[in-house]
Amino acid sequence: MKNATSIVQLQLENLVHRGTGGRSEENRGLGFRPAFFDFSTQRIYLSCFRNGMPAPIHVLDGLPDEVVIDRAANGKVVTTKATVIAGFVRNGFFYTRRAAAKAVADWK
């Protein structure tokens, strides 16, 4: 089974997808917004700061309790359910990092 999403996992994904279009910094101009998708519920969650404001990158702290497995004492999200993945939303559709990278490559 997939590992739970954590800050370390997000950092690793950013390294893996660097230069591909699968990172917020590389696809924002094409209308992609960082988001999370829960395969178990089929729900999409836009990436938000803890106060609910939209985040320009993948931020776990704005995720709802139903997808959070562990929070630190200060309220920061440590891990999510294993069914949650990071990706992007554009025009109402969820894109995995790989799909976003392909869309960026196809646009160029």
Protein backbone atom coordinates (compact mmCIF):
# COMPACT_ATOMS: atom_id res chain seq x y z
CA MET A 1 0.00 0.00 0.00
CA LYS A 2 1.08 3.59 -0.69
CA ASN A 3 2.79 5.53 2.07
CA ALA A 4 0.81 8.22 3.83
CA THR A 5 1.34 11.74 2.51
CA SER A 6 3.67 13.80 4.67
CA ILE A 7 5.86 16.87 4.32
CA VAL A 8 8.80 14.58 3.55
CA GLN A 9 6.76 12.81 0.85
CA LEU A 10 5.80 16.16 -0.71
CA GLN A 11 9.46 17.24 -0.73
CA LEU A 12 10.47 13.98 -2.42
CA GLU A 13 7.74 14.38 -5.04
CA ASN A 14 8.96 17.91 -5.74
CA LEU A 15 12.47 16.58 -6.34
CA VAL A 16 11.24 13.78 -8.60
CA HIS A 17 9.07 16.13 -10.68
CA ARG A 18 11.51 19.05 -10.86
CA GLY A 19 11.61 20.44 -14.38
CA THR A 20 8.73 18.29 -15.63
CA GLY A 21 5.77 20.62 -15.08
CA GLY A 22 4.57 18.48 -12.19
CA ARG A 23 5.27 21.18 -9.59
CA SER A 24 3.24 24.26 -8.65
CA GLU A 25 6.03 26.61 -9.64
CA GLU A 26 6.09 25.12 -13.13
CA ASN A 27 2.40 24.84 -13.98
CA ARG A 28 0.65 27.69 -12.14
CA GLY A 29 0.68 29.85 -15.26
CA LEU A 30 -1.41 27.26 -17.08
CA GLY A 31 -4.18 27.38 -14.48
CA PHE A 32 -3.16 24.45 -12.28
CA ARG A 33 -3.90 24.79 -8.55
CA PRO A 34 -2.25 22.51 -5.98
CA ALA A 35 -4.74 20.04 -4.54
CA PHE A 36 -5.12 16.65 -2.92
CA PHE A 37 -7.31 13.74 -3.97
CA ASP A 38 -8.64 11.06 -1.64
CA PHE A 39 -9.14 7.83 -3.60
CA SER A 40 -11.35 6.34 -0.88
CA THR A 41 -13.95 9.11 -1.03
CA GLN A 42 -13.22 10.52 -4.52
CA ARG A 43 -13.00 13.99 -2.96
CA ILE A 44 -10.70 16.78 -4.09
CA TYR A 45 -9.27 19.23 -1.56
CA LEU A 46 -7.63 22.42 -2.75
CA SER A 47 -4.38 23.11 -0.98
CA CYS A 48 -5.00 25.70 1.73
CA PHE A 49 -3.26 27.18 4.70
CA ARG A 50 -4.67 26.35 8.13
CA ASN A 51 -6.75 29.56 8.05
CA GLY A 52 -8.49 28.40 4.85
CA MET A 53 -6.72 30.76 2.46
CA PRO A 54 -5.63 29.12 -0.82
CA ALA A 55 -1.98 28.05 -0.80
CA PRO A 56 0.27 28.50 -3.86
CA ILE A 57 1.98 25.16 -3.15
CA HIS A 58 1.01 21.85 -1.56
CA VAL A 59 0.30 22.53 2.13
CA LEU A 60 -1.07 19.77 4.36
CA ASP A 61 -2.24 22.03 7.21
CA GLY A 62 -5.50 23.05 5.53
CA LEU A 63 -6.72 19.49 5.03
CA PRO A 64 -9.84 18.43 6.96
CA ASP A 65 -9.68 16.04 9.90
CA GLU A 66 -11.29 13.21 7.91
CA VAL A 67 -8.10 12.76 5.86
CA VAL A 68 -5.57 13.53 8.59
CA ILE A 69 -3.96 10.64 10.47
CA ASP A 70 -1.58 12.57 12.70
CA ARG A 71 -1.17 16.19 13.81
CA ALA A 72 1.64 17.67 15.84
CA ALA A 73 0.84 19.36 19.15
CA ASN A 74 0.85 22.73 17.38
CA GLY A 75 -1.84 21.54 14.93
CA LYS A 76 0.41 21.02 11.89
CA VAL A 77 -0.48 17.97 9.83
CA VAL A 78 2.16 15.25 10.07
CA THR A 79 0.55 12.57 7.87
CA THR A 80 -2.62 11.94 5.91
CA LYS A 81 -4.48 8.77 5.06
CA ALA A 82 -2.59 6.59 2.58
CA THR A 83 -5.41 7.12 0.07
CA VAL A 84 -4.58 10.83 -0.28
CA ILE A 85 -2.27 11.98 -3.08
CA ALA A 86 -0.96 15.38 -4.08
CA GLY A 87 -1.78 16.72 -7.50
CA PHE A 88 -3.51 19.64 -9.16
CA VAL A 89 -6.93 20.91 -10.17
CA ARG A 90 -7.54 22.68 -13.45
CA ASN A 91 -10.94 23.45 -14.95
CA GLY A 92 -12.61 21.25 -12.32
CA PHE A 93 -10.51 18.16 -13.05
CA PHE A 94 -7.89 16.54 -10.83
CA TYR A 95 -4.47 15.86 -12.36
CA THR A 96 -1.79 13.72 -10.80
CA ARG A 97 1.66 15.26 -10.89
CA ARG A 98 2.48 13.02 -13.86
CA ALA A 99 -0.69 14.04 -15.74
CA ALA A 100 -0.01 17.73 -15.06
CA ALA A 101 3.55 17.31 -16.35
CA LYS A 102 2.19 15.72 -19.53
CA ALA A 103 -0.30 18.55 -19.99
CA VAL A 104 2.49 21.10 -19.57
CA ALA A 105 4.70 19.22 -22.06
CA ASP A 106 1.83 19.00 -24.56
CA TRP A 107 1.23 22.76 -24.24
CA LYS A 108 4.86 23.66 -25.05
